[in-house]
Structures are given as C-alpha cells and as structure tokens.
Amino acid sequence: MKRIVVDSSASLYKLDGIDFASVPLKIVTDEREYLDDGTLDAVEMATTLRTYKGKTSTSCPNIGDWLEAYEGADEIYAITITGTLSGSCNAAQLAAEEYQAEHPEARVFVLDSLSAGPELVLLAEHIRALIKEGRDFDDVCEEMLRYRHHTHLLFSLESLANLARNGRIKPTVAAVARMLNIRVIGKASDVGELDVLCKTRGEHGALERIVLELKGHGYTNGKVIIAHCGNPAAAERLMHMVRAVFEGAQVRVTECGGLCSYYAELGGLMVGFEDADA
C-alpha cells in the first residue's frame, strides 16, 4: 500500500484519491493543550490566544506518532515542517528507520519541506500525481527533491506576538509593529528559516507586495494556494489580484489549521506557489 503522510503544519487533514495520514502537532499553553488534528477550531484558538497573557509553545509529533501513521503501508512518503524550526522531521526520520527495520520490505521517504502550510500541500499533491502516473519509488523520491526547489512560501502577518513568545523575533519588534499597524511580508528561505522581506502599512499594501514578490520569485502561471487565518476577504482579494496579473494562474483559497494559525495569527496569510520551472 502506498501512503502519503504529512504533519499538521500542512493544514491538510485529508487528501482524496490516495491513502493518506496527518500527524498532529500540539499548541500548548499554561491552561490547555490544543491538538491540531483537523477537528480543532483554529480561528477560535487564535482569537483566545490573542489576549492570552501566559506562556505558549508548540510540540512536535514523537517517533511513536509517526510510526502509528506509517503502520500498514509498504511505500510511504512523509513530508514535514521545516527541520530548522521543529523536531518533527527528525522524529519522522527516526521512525522511518525503526519502521523499515521491523518491516524490511517497506520503503519510507522523508522529505523536509523547508517550509510550512500550503507549500506542503503542493508537495503532497505532486506526490499523489506521480503515484497516479505509476512512477516507482526511487523515481518519485528523485522528482520530489527536484520539485521542492521550485515551490515557495510567502506570508503576510498582522501580528508577531506568538513569534515573539517563541523567541523568533524580539518582543519590542512585535509591539512596535502592532502599534504602527505594520504588516510583515516574509518567506521561507532556501534553508527553511523565516526571512523578513519587508514591512508595509495596511492590508492593501501587503497584498500588492505579495503579488510583486510572486513575480520576483519566478511565478508565472502555476499553482498558488492562499491559506488564511480568519481573513477570507483578504485571501479572496489576493486571489483575484493574482488572476488579474498572471494569465492562467491556478489559484485557490484554503484555511490555516491549528499550527499555522498559531504562528500566522488572526488576519495572517500564507501563500504557497510554484515557480516557472516547477
């Protein structure tokens, strides 16, 4: 049996036409634990955390969680959140080694997405297409390593509070951004880190900048997935802007799951896309 497995940083909890599993991450506060399993109300969580004053953090899946997701399959393609920001990839790899030791006939490919959110969806969907084409295991692995170089992630954040809480940025930067109504435009770097590209005032400027960044990063008319946290109007507006600028653009809108909503926060957008060489 061929199976695609992702962790929940993909905000993808089912994938039609293929055997599929999602391994949940957790968002942890002093008062409760949120399990990102597809049933979580991510917007409600993000709303609650917006005014929460206590400590918050995230917890990645352990080896046992990944082993459970692999069980019963003999050809497994696992995709994880960037290994530079989480231990999920390491746990998935260790689980793969253990699973193959216990099931010598099985083959497991673990792909560090170097990203999060909708870029993982692009990767999962590409694997599904390759499997449907009848590609063998080694061919799929080789193609995914190539394809990963041609998928990208941009993001627009209205709030930096949770990034500050987790030491990703300085708290003073988050406070100033909030007071000045500054939105941060960033990307997932080639090594899987979060890089700030620029800061803009207001939502319209942020959307315009994303369109410019798409062009600057080699987008022409491939797939674009816009994931939002409680901001469908901005996501729809961005979709129409992309279609107006890029003829033949294949754009769709989705919602952020729990982990992505924790980092993107209310109003945030995450944009996964293919460049012209994909």
C-alpha atoms as a PDB file:
ATOM      1  CA  MET A   1       0.000   0.000   0.000  1.00  0.00           C
ATOM      2  CA  LYS A   2       1.300   3.461  -0.966  1.00  0.00           C
ATOM      3  CA  ARG A   3       0.680   6.211   1.608  1.00  0.00           C
ATOM      4  CA  ILE A   4       1.371   9.938   1.911  1.00  0.00           C
ATOM      5  CA  VAL A   5       1.894  11.209   5.463  1.00  0.00           C
ATOM      6  CA  VAL A   6       2.238  14.861   6.482  1.00  0.00           C
ATOM      7  CA  ASP A   7       2.441  16.565   9.826  1.00  0.00           C
ATOM      8  CA  SER A   8      -0.305  19.036  10.615  1.00  0.00           C
ATOM      9  CA  SER A   9       1.816  22.061   9.734  1.00  0.00           C
ATOM     10  CA  ALA A  10       0.400  21.393   6.245  1.00  0.00           C
ATOM     11  CA  SER A  11      -3.136  22.265   7.431  1.00  0.00           C
ATOM     12  CA  LEU A  12      -4.090  19.226   5.338  1.00  0.00           C
ATOM     13  CA  TYR A  13      -6.136  16.535   7.060  1.00  0.00           C
ATOM     14  CA  LYS A  14      -7.410  14.524   4.088  1.00  0.00           C
ATOM     15  CA  LEU A  15      -6.251  14.044   0.507  1.00  0.00           C
ATOM     16  CA  ASP A  16      -8.633  12.453  -1.949  1.00  0.00           C
ATOM     17  CA  GLY A  17      -7.555   9.646  -4.227  1.00  0.00           C
ATOM     18  CA  ILE A  18      -4.682   8.302  -2.121  1.00  0.00           C
ATOM     19  CA  ASP A  19      -4.105   6.581   1.203  1.00  0.00           C
ATOM     20  CA  PHE A  20      -3.248   9.475   3.498  1.00  0.00           C
ATOM     21  CA  ALA A  21      -2.499  10.343   7.124  1.00  0.00           C
ATOM     22  CA  SER A  22      -1.876  13.557   9.056  1.00  0.00           C
ATOM     23  CA  VAL A  23       0.239  13.530  12.217  1.00  0.00           C
ATOM     24  CA  PRO A  24      -0.836  16.274  14.645  1.00  0.00           C
ATOM     25  CA  LEU A  25       1.344  18.865  16.308  1.00  0.00           C
ATOM     26  CA  LYS A  26       0.192  20.498  19.532  1.00  0.00           C
ATOM     27  CA  ILE A  27      -0.161  24.080  20.715  1.00  0.00           C
ATOM     28  CA  VAL A  28       0.409  24.252  24.454  1.00  0.00           C
ATOM     29  CA  THR A  29      -0.496  26.953  26.984  1.00  0.00           C
ATOM     30  CA  ASP A  30      -0.399  27.054  30.778  1.00  0.00           C
ATOM     31  CA  GLU A  31      -4.145  26.353  30.796  1.00  0.00           C
ATOM     32  CA  ARG A  32      -4.795  23.864  27.993  1.00  0.00           C
ATOM     33  CA  GLU A  33      -3.398  21.871  25.088  1.00  0.00           C
ATOM     34  CA  TYR A  34      -4.698  22.206  21.526  1.00  0.00           C
ATOM     35  CA  LEU A  35      -4.336  19.118  19.323  1.00  0.00           C
ATOM     36  CA  ASP A  36      -4.065  20.035  15.637  1.00  0.00           C
ATOM     37  CA  ASP A  37      -5.948  17.003  14.356  1.00  0.00           C
ATOM     38  CA  GLY A  38      -8.369  18.589  11.905  1.00  0.00           C
ATOM     39  CA  THR A  39     -11.204  18.974  14.413  1.00  0.00           C
ATOM     40  CA  LEU A  40      -9.666  21.988  16.160  1.00  0.00           C
ATOM     41  CA  ASP A  41     -11.402  25.359  15.682  1.00  0.00           C
ATOM     42  CA  ALA A  42      -8.219  27.177  14.694  1.00  0.00           C
ATOM     43  CA  VAL A  43      -9.819  30.626  14.497  1.00  0.00           C
ATOM     44  CA  GLU A  44     -11.320  30.241  17.969  1.00  0.00           C
ATOM     45  CA  MET A  45      -7.910  29.203  19.273  1.00  0.00           C
ATOM     46  CA  ALA A  46      -6.211  32.163  17.589  1.00  0.00           C
ATOM     47  CA  THR A  47      -8.853  34.508  18.995  1.00  0.00           C
ATOM     48  CA  THR A  48      -8.318  33.168  22.505  1.00  0.00           C
ATOM     49  CA  LEU A  49      -4.544  33.379  22.260  1.00  0.00           C
ATOM     50  CA  ARG A  50      -4.697  36.965  21.018  1.00  0.00           C
ATOM     51  CA  THR A  51      -5.450  38.165  24.541  1.00  0.00           C
ATOM     52  CA  TYR A  52      -3.763  35.342  26.430  1.00  0.00           C
ATOM     53  CA  LYS A  53      -1.013  36.574  28.759  1.00  0.00           C
ATOM     54  CA  GLY A  54       0.570  33.258  29.765  1.00  0.00           C
ATOM     55  CA  LYS A  55       3.253  31.169  28.106  1.00  0.00           C
ATOM     56  CA  THR A  56       2.553  29.347  24.862  1.00  0.00           C
ATOM     57  CA  SER A  57       4.578  26.893  22.824  1.00  0.00           C
ATOM     58  CA  THR A  58       4.269  24.139  20.238  1.00  0.00           C
ATOM     59  CA  SER A  59       5.062  20.442  20.482  1.00  0.00           C
ATOM     60  CA  CYS A  60       6.019  18.264  17.525  1.00  0.00           C
ATOM     61  CA  PRO A  61       4.935  14.648  16.947  1.00  0.00           C
ATOM     62  CA  ASN A  62       7.134  11.992  18.541  1.00  0.00           C
ATOM     63  CA  ILE A  63       8.517   8.843  16.957  1.00  0.00           C
ATOM     64  CA  GLY A  64       5.526   6.808  18.121  1.00  0.00           C
ATOM     65  CA  ASP A  65       3.106   9.208  16.420  1.00  0.00           C
ATOM     66  CA  TRP A  66       4.922   8.800  13.115  1.00  0.00           C
ATOM     67  CA  LEU A  67       5.154   5.016  13.484  1.00  0.00           C
ATOM     68  CA  GLU A  68       1.396   4.857  14.003  1.00  0.00           C
ATOM     69  CA  ALA A  69       0.880   6.852  10.791  1.00  0.00           C
ATOM     70  CA  TYR A  70       3.206   4.522   8.850  1.00  0.00           C
ATOM     71  CA  GLU A  71       1.627   1.298  10.116  1.00  0.00           C
ATOM     72  CA  GLY A  72       0.212  -0.988   7.440  1.00  0.00           C
ATOM     73  CA  ALA A  73       1.850   0.708   4.448  1.00  0.00           C
ATOM     74  CA  ASP A  74       4.834  -0.599   2.479  1.00  0.00           C
ATOM     75  CA  GLU A  75       5.608   2.522   0.404  1.00  0.00           C
ATOM     76  CA  ILE A  76       5.483   5.715   2.445  1.00  0.00           C
ATOM     77  CA  TYR A  77       6.139   9.330   1.527  1.00  0.00           C
ATOM     78  CA  ALA A  78       6.361  11.590   4.594  1.00  0.00           C
ATOM     79  CA  ILE A  79       6.524  15.399   4.449  1.00  0.00           C
ATOM     80  CA  THR A  80       7.368  17.518   7.483  1.00  0.00           C
ATOM     81  CA  ILE A  81       7.537  21.127   8.588  1.00  0.00           C
ATOM     82  CA  THR A  82      10.973  22.700   8.150  1.00  0.00           C
ATOM     83  CA  GLY A  83      13.539  20.919  10.266  1.00  0.00           C
ATOM     84  CA  THR A  84      15.196  24.196  11.256  1.00  0.00           C
ATOM     85  CA  LEU A  85      12.161  25.196  13.346  1.00  0.00           C
ATOM     86  CA  SER A  86      10.849  21.857  14.605  1.00  0.00           C
ATOM     87  CA  GLY A  87      11.925  18.361  15.594  1.00  0.00           C
ATOM     88  CA  SER A  88       9.146  16.813  13.520  1.00  0.00           C
ATOM     89  CA  CYS A  89      11.445  15.923  10.613  1.00  0.00           C
ATOM     90  CA  ASN A  90      13.965  14.238  12.893  1.00  0.00           C
ATOM     91  CA  ALA A  91      11.203  12.218  14.582  1.00  0.00           C
ATOM     92  CA  ALA A  92       9.790  11.187  11.197  1.00  0.00           C
ATOM     93  CA  GLN A  93      13.229  10.033  10.032  1.00  0.00           C
ATOM     94  CA  LEU A  94      13.941   8.047  13.190  1.00  0.00           C
ATOM     95  CA  ALA A  95      10.506   6.461  12.897  1.00  0.00           C
ATOM     96  CA  ALA A  96      11.259   5.588   9.267  1.00  0.00           C
ATOM     97  CA  GLU A  97      14.454   3.788  10.276  1.00  0.00           C
ATOM     98  CA  GLU A  98      12.640   1.865  13.005  1.00  0.00           C
ATOM     99  CA  TYR A  99       9.721   1.003  10.726  1.00  0.00           C
ATOM    100  CA  GLN A 100      11.997  -0.301   7.975  1.00  0.00           C
ATOM    101  CA  ALA A 101      13.957  -2.378  10.497  1.00  0.00           C
ATOM    102  CA  GLU A 102      10.697  -4.003  11.600  1.00  0.00           C
ATOM    103  CA  HIS A 103       9.325  -4.249   8.027  1.00  0.00           C
ATOM    104  CA  PRO A 104      12.298  -4.986   5.718  1.00  0.00           C
ATOM    105  CA  GLU A 105      10.057  -4.955   2.662  1.00  0.00           C
ATOM    106  CA  ALA A 106       8.865  -1.394   3.343  1.00  0.00           C
ATOM    107  CA  ARG A 107      10.375   1.781   1.906  1.00  0.00           C
ATOM    108  CA  VAL A 108       9.998   5.196   3.551  1.00  0.00           C
ATOM    109  CA  PHE A 109      10.963   8.564   2.093  1.00  0.00           C
ATOM    110  CA  VAL A 110      11.045  11.542   4.486  1.00  0.00           C
ATOM    111  CA  LEU A 111      11.061  14.965   2.852  1.00  0.00           C
ATOM    112  CA  ASP A 112      11.931  18.056   4.867  1.00  0.00           C
ATOM    113  CA  SER A 113       9.717  20.671   3.219  1.00  0.00           C
ATOM    114  CA  LEU A 114      11.949  23.504   4.468  1.00  0.00           C
ATOM    115  CA  SER A 115       8.617  25.268   4.826  1.00  0.00           C
ATOM    116  CA  ALA A 116       5.111  25.036   6.297  1.00  0.00           C
ATOM    117  CA  GLY A 117       1.462  25.420   5.382  1.00  0.00           C
ATOM    118  CA  PRO A 118       0.352  25.497   1.745  1.00  0.00           C
ATOM    119  CA  GLU A 119       3.777  24.650   0.340  1.00  0.00           C
ATOM    120  CA  LEU A 120       3.424  21.208   1.961  1.00  0.00           C
ATOM    121  CA  VAL A 121       0.081  20.829   0.191  1.00  0.00           C
ATOM    122  CA  LEU A 122       1.767  21.432  -3.158  1.00  0.00           C
ATOM    123  CA  LEU A 123       4.368  18.780  -2.308  1.00  0.00           C
ATOM    124  CA  ALA A 124       1.746  16.229  -1.210  1.00  0.00           C
ATOM    125  CA  GLU A 125      -0.363  16.791  -4.291  1.00  0.00           C
ATOM    126  CA  HIS A 126       2.659  16.378  -6.542  1.00  0.00           C
ATOM    127  CA  ILE A 127       3.488  13.042  -4.927  1.00  0.00           C
ATOM    128  CA  ARG A 128      -0.115  11.942  -5.462  1.00  0.00           C
ATOM    129  CA  ALA A 129       0.132  12.853  -9.160  1.00  0.00           C
ATOM    130  CA  LEU A 130       3.395  10.928  -9.555  1.00  0.00           C
ATOM    131  CA  ILE A 131       1.917   7.843  -7.898  1.00  0.00           C
ATOM    132  CA  LYS A 132      -1.110   8.008 -10.187  1.00  0.00           C
ATOM    133  CA  GLU A 133       1.280   8.157 -13.154  1.00  0.00           C
ATOM    134  CA  GLY A 134       2.725   4.852 -11.992  1.00  0.00           C
ATOM    135  CA  ARG A 135       6.191   6.175 -11.101  1.00  0.00           C
ATOM    136  CA  ASP A 136       8.310   3.821  -8.997  1.00  0.00           C
ATOM    137  CA  PHE A 137       9.559   4.699  -5.519  1.00  0.00           C
ATOM    138  CA  ASP A 138      13.047   5.880  -6.484  1.00  0.00           C
ATOM    139  CA  ASP A 139      11.692   7.980  -9.341  1.00  0.00           C
ATOM    140  CA  VAL A 140       9.177   9.682  -7.051  1.00  0.00           C
ATOM    141  CA  CYS A 141      11.879  10.475  -4.483  1.00  0.00           C
ATOM    142  CA  GLU A 142      14.210  11.934  -7.113  1.00  0.00           C
ATOM    143  CA  GLU A 143      11.455  14.040  -8.652  1.00  0.00           C
ATOM    144  CA  MET A 144      10.342  15.385  -5.253  1.00  0.00           C
ATOM    145  CA  LEU A 145      13.861  16.556  -4.438  1.00  0.00           C
ATOM    146  CA  ARG A 146      13.839  18.434  -7.752  1.00  0.00           C
ATOM    147  CA  TYR A 147      10.305  19.801  -7.361  1.00  0.00           C
ATOM    148  CA  ARG A 148      10.960  21.068  -3.826  1.00  0.00           C
ATOM    149  CA  HIS A 149      13.454  23.569  -5.271  1.00  0.00           C
ATOM    150  CA  HIS A 150      10.634  25.106  -7.319  1.00  0.00           C
ATOM    151  CA  THR A 151       7.964  25.547  -4.652  1.00  0.00           C
ATOM    152  CA  HIS A 152       7.995  28.525  -2.305  1.00  0.00           C
ATOM    153  CA  LEU A 153       6.194  30.145   0.619  1.00  0.00           C
ATOM    154  CA  LEU A 154       5.360  33.797   1.241  1.00  0.00           C
ATOM    155  CA  PHE A 155       3.495  35.080   4.276  1.00  0.00           C
ATOM    156  CA  SER A 156       1.826  38.274   5.482  1.00  0.00           C
ATOM    157  CA  LEU A 157       1.390  38.695   9.243  1.00  0.00           C
ATOM    158  CA  GLU A 158      -0.700  41.247  11.093  1.00  0.00           C
ATOM    159  CA  SER A 159       0.658  40.212  14.484  1.00  0.00           C
ATOM    160  CA  LEU A 160       4.044  38.942  15.604  1.00  0.00           C
ATOM    161  CA  ALA A 161       3.086  38.140  19.189  1.00  0.00           C
ATOM    162  CA  ASN A 162       3.480  34.364  19.065  1.00  0.00           C
ATOM    163  CA  LEU A 163       6.707  34.578  17.082  1.00  0.00           C
ATOM    164  CA  ALA A 164       7.992  36.855  19.845  1.00  0.00           C
ATOM    165  CA  ARG A 165       6.806  34.487  22.590  1.00  0.00           C
ATOM    166  CA  ASN A 166       8.760  31.658  20.986  1.00  0.00           C
ATOM    167  CA  GLY A 167      11.937  33.646  20.547  1.00  0.00           C
ATOM    168  CA  ARG A 168      11.713  34.007  16.758  1.00  0.00           C
ATOM    169  CA  ILE A 169      11.791  37.824  16.987  1.00  0.00           C
ATOM    170  CA  LYS A 170      12.307  40.421  19.730  1.00  0.00           C
ATOM    171  CA  PRO A 171       9.187  41.369  21.761  1.00  0.00           C
ATOM    172  CA  THR A 172       9.867  45.063  21.143  1.00  0.00           C
ATOM    173  CA  VAL A 173       9.652  44.495  17.382  1.00  0.00           C
ATOM    174  CA  ALA A 174       6.256  42.826  17.789  1.00  0.00           C
ATOM    175  CA  ALA A 175       4.989  45.658  19.988  1.00  0.00           C
ATOM    176  CA  VAL A 176       6.078  48.380  17.563  1.00  0.00           C
ATOM    177  CA  ALA A 177       4.566  46.538  14.600  1.00  0.00           C
ATOM    178  CA  ARG A 178       1.231  46.294  16.414  1.00  0.00           C
ATOM    179  CA  MET A 179       1.152  49.992  17.365  1.00  0.00           C
ATOM    180  CA  LEU A 180       2.036  51.198  13.852  1.00  0.00           C
ATOM    181  CA  ASN A 181      -0.322  48.828  12.001  1.00  0.00           C
ATOM    182  CA  ILE A 182       2.662  47.287  10.232  1.00  0.00           C
ATOM    183  CA  ARG A 183       2.317  44.025   8.354  1.00  0.00           C
ATOM    184  CA  VAL A 184       5.374  41.888   7.848  1.00  0.00           C
ATOM    185  CA  ILE A 185       5.932  40.219   4.477  1.00  0.00           C
ATOM    186  CA  GLY A 186       8.310  37.282   4.599  1.00  0.00           C
ATOM    187  CA  LYS A 187       9.289  33.992   3.024  1.00  0.00           C
ATOM    188  CA  ALA A 188      10.615  30.563   3.868  1.00  0.00           C
ATOM    189  CA  SER A 189      14.303  30.658   2.938  1.00  0.00           C
ATOM    190  CA  ASP A 190      16.182  28.006   0.989  1.00  0.00           C
ATOM    191  CA  VAL A 191      17.368  26.514   4.295  1.00  0.00           C
ATOM    192  CA  GLY A 192      13.929  26.579   5.916  1.00  0.00           C
ATOM    193  CA  GLU A 193      14.210  29.700   8.065  1.00  0.00           C
ATOM    194  CA  LEU A 194      11.689  32.541   8.230  1.00  0.00           C
ATOM    195  CA  ASP A 195      13.113  35.567   6.441  1.00  0.00           C
ATOM    196  CA  VAL A 196      11.513  39.022   6.613  1.00  0.00           C
ATOM    197  CA  LEU A 197      11.386  40.640   3.183  1.00  0.00           C
ATOM    198  CA  CYS A 198       9.753  43.958   4.032  1.00  0.00           C
ATOM    199  CA  LYS A 199       7.209  45.762   6.210  1.00  0.00           C
ATOM    200  CA  THR A 200       4.115  47.503   4.884  1.00  0.00           C
ATOM    201  CA  ARG A 201       1.367  49.728   6.277  1.00  0.00           C
ATOM    202  CA  GLY A 202      -2.140  48.322   5.944  1.00  0.00           C
ATOM    203  CA  GLU A 203      -3.614  45.312   4.230  1.00  0.00           C
ATOM    204  CA  HIS A 204      -3.812  46.674   0.688  1.00  0.00           C
ATOM    205  CA  GLY A 205      -0.100  47.410   0.626  1.00  0.00           C
ATOM    206  CA  ALA A 206       0.625  43.921   1.914  1.00  0.00           C
ATOM    207  CA  LEU A 207      -1.424  42.274  -0.839  1.00  0.00           C
ATOM    208  CA  GLU A 208       0.210  44.373  -3.528  1.00  0.00           C
ATOM    209  CA  ARG A 209       3.618  43.459  -2.175  1.00  0.00           C
ATOM    210  CA  ILE A 210       2.798  39.735  -2.240  1.00  0.00           C
ATOM    211  CA  VAL A 211       1.909  39.997  -5.933  1.00  0.00           C
ATOM    212  CA  LEU A 212       5.231  41.736  -6.593  1.00  0.00           C
ATOM    213  CA  GLU A 213       7.083  39.068  -4.616  1.00  0.00           C
ATOM    214  CA  LEU A 214       5.381  36.312  -6.619  1.00  0.00           C
ATOM    215  CA  LYS A 215       6.716  37.863  -9.807  1.00  0.00           C
ATOM    216  CA  GLY A 216      10.143  38.390  -8.269  1.00  0.00           C
ATOM    217  CA  HIS A 217      10.339  34.750  -7.174  1.00  0.00           C
ATOM    218  CA  GLY A 218       9.662  33.411 -10.657  1.00  0.00           C
ATOM    219  CA  TYR A 219       5.919  32.787 -10.581  1.00  0.00           C
ATOM    220  CA  THR A 220       4.194  32.771 -13.968  1.00  0.00           C
ATOM    221  CA  ASN A 221       1.007  30.741 -14.124  1.00  0.00           C
ATOM    222  CA  GLY A 222       1.427  27.660 -11.924  1.00  0.00           C
ATOM    223  CA  LYS A 223      -0.376  26.648  -8.766  1.00  0.00           C
ATOM    224  CA  VAL A 224      -0.943  29.092  -5.908  1.00  0.00           C
ATOM    225  CA  ILE A 225      -2.552  28.142  -2.591  1.00  0.00           C
ATOM    226  CA  ILE A 226      -3.561  31.005  -0.283  1.00  0.00           C
ATOM    227  CA  ALA A 227      -4.213  29.916   3.310  1.00  0.00           C
ATOM    228  CA  HIS A 228      -5.699  32.397   5.761  1.00  0.00           C
ATOM    229  CA  CYS A 229      -6.359  32.606   9.485  1.00  0.00           C
ATOM    230  CA  GLY A 230      -9.782  34.173   9.934  1.00  0.00           C
ATOM    231  CA  ASN A 231      -9.321  36.514   6.964  1.00  0.00           C
ATOM    232  CA  PRO A 232     -11.261  35.120   3.977  1.00  0.00           C
ATOM    233  CA  ALA A 233     -11.882  38.573   2.469  1.00  0.00           C
ATOM    234  CA  ALA A 234      -8.170  39.322   2.101  1.00  0.00           C
ATOM    235  CA  ALA A 235      -7.479  35.833   0.759  1.00  0.00           C
ATOM    236  CA  GLU A 236     -10.208  36.179  -1.877  1.00  0.00           C
ATOM    237  CA  ARG A 237      -8.972  39.649  -2.795  1.00  0.00           C
ATOM    238  CA  LEU A 238      -5.431  38.369  -3.226  1.00  0.00           C
ATOM    239  CA  MET A 239      -6.696  35.502  -5.361  1.00  0.00           C
ATOM    240  CA  HIS A 240      -8.401  37.938  -7.753  1.00  0.00           C
ATOM    241  CA  MET A 241      -5.297  40.159  -7.842  1.00  0.00           C
ATOM    242  CA  VAL A 242      -3.096  37.208  -8.780  1.00  0.00           C
ATOM    243  CA  ARG A 243      -5.506  36.094 -11.507  1.00  0.00           C
ATOM    244  CA  ALA A 244      -5.647  39.639 -12.894  1.00  0.00           C
ATOM    245  CA  VAL A 245      -1.855  39.952 -13.119  1.00  0.00           C
ATOM    246  CA  PHE A 246      -0.907  36.397 -14.163  1.00  0.00           C
ATOM    247  CA  GLU A 247      -2.899  34.954 -17.041  1.00  0.00           C
ATOM    248  CA  GLY A 248      -3.750  31.308 -16.447  1.00  0.00           C
ATOM    249  CA  ALA A 249      -2.889  31.412 -12.749  1.00  0.00           C
ATOM    250  CA  GLN A 250      -4.189  28.360 -10.871  1.00  0.00           C
ATOM    251  CA  VAL A 251      -5.206  29.877  -7.537  1.00  0.00           C
ATOM    252  CA  ARG A 252      -7.297  28.547  -4.680  1.00  0.00           C
ATOM    253  CA  VAL A 253      -8.038  29.623  -1.113  1.00  0.00           C
ATOM    254  CA  THR A 254      -7.883  27.417   1.990  1.00  0.00           C
ATOM    255  CA  GLU A 255      -7.848  27.922   5.751  1.00  0.00           C
ATOM    256  CA  CYS A 256      -4.906  27.621   8.119  1.00  0.00           C
ATOM    257  CA  GLY A 257      -5.047  24.730  10.563  1.00  0.00           C
ATOM    258  CA  GLY A 258      -4.031  24.923  14.203  1.00  0.00           C
ATOM    259  CA  LEU A 259      -0.244  25.113  13.954  1.00  0.00           C
ATOM    260  CA  CYS A 260      -0.274  27.592  11.069  1.00  0.00           C
ATOM    261  CA  SER A 261      -2.940  29.707  12.802  1.00  0.00           C
ATOM    262  CA  TYR A 262      -0.771  29.824  15.912  1.00  0.00           C
ATOM    263  CA  TYR A 263       2.127  31.394  14.009  1.00  0.00           C
ATOM    264  CA  ALA A 264       0.211  33.330  11.330  1.00  0.00           C
ATOM    265  CA  GLU A 265      -2.291  34.612  13.946  1.00  0.00           C
ATOM    266  CA  LEU A 266      -5.593  36.285  13.136  1.00  0.00           C
ATOM    267  CA  GLY A 267      -5.551  38.019   9.770  1.00  0.00           C
ATOM    268  CA  GLY A 268      -2.415  36.245   8.597  1.00  0.00           C
ATOM    269  CA  LEU A 269      -1.932  34.847   5.097  1.00  0.00           C
ATOM    270  CA  MET A 270       0.369  32.054   3.884  1.00  0.00           C
ATOM    271  CA  VAL A 271       0.933  31.697   0.143  1.00  0.00           C
ATOM    272  CA  GLY A 272       2.440  28.541  -1.353  1.00  0.00           C
ATOM    273  CA  PHE A 273       3.296  28.633  -5.057  1.00  0.00           C
ATOM    274  CA  GLU A 274       5.218  27.008  -7.905  1.00  0.00           C
ATOM    275  CA  ASP A 275       7.803  28.902  -9.918  1.00  0.00           C
ATOM    276  CA  ALA A 276       8.094  28.708 -13.702  1.00  0.00           C
ATOM    277  CA  ASP A 277      10.475  25.724 -13.575  1.00  0.00           C
ATOM    278  CA  ALA A 278       8.228  23.528 -11.446  1.00  0.00           C
END
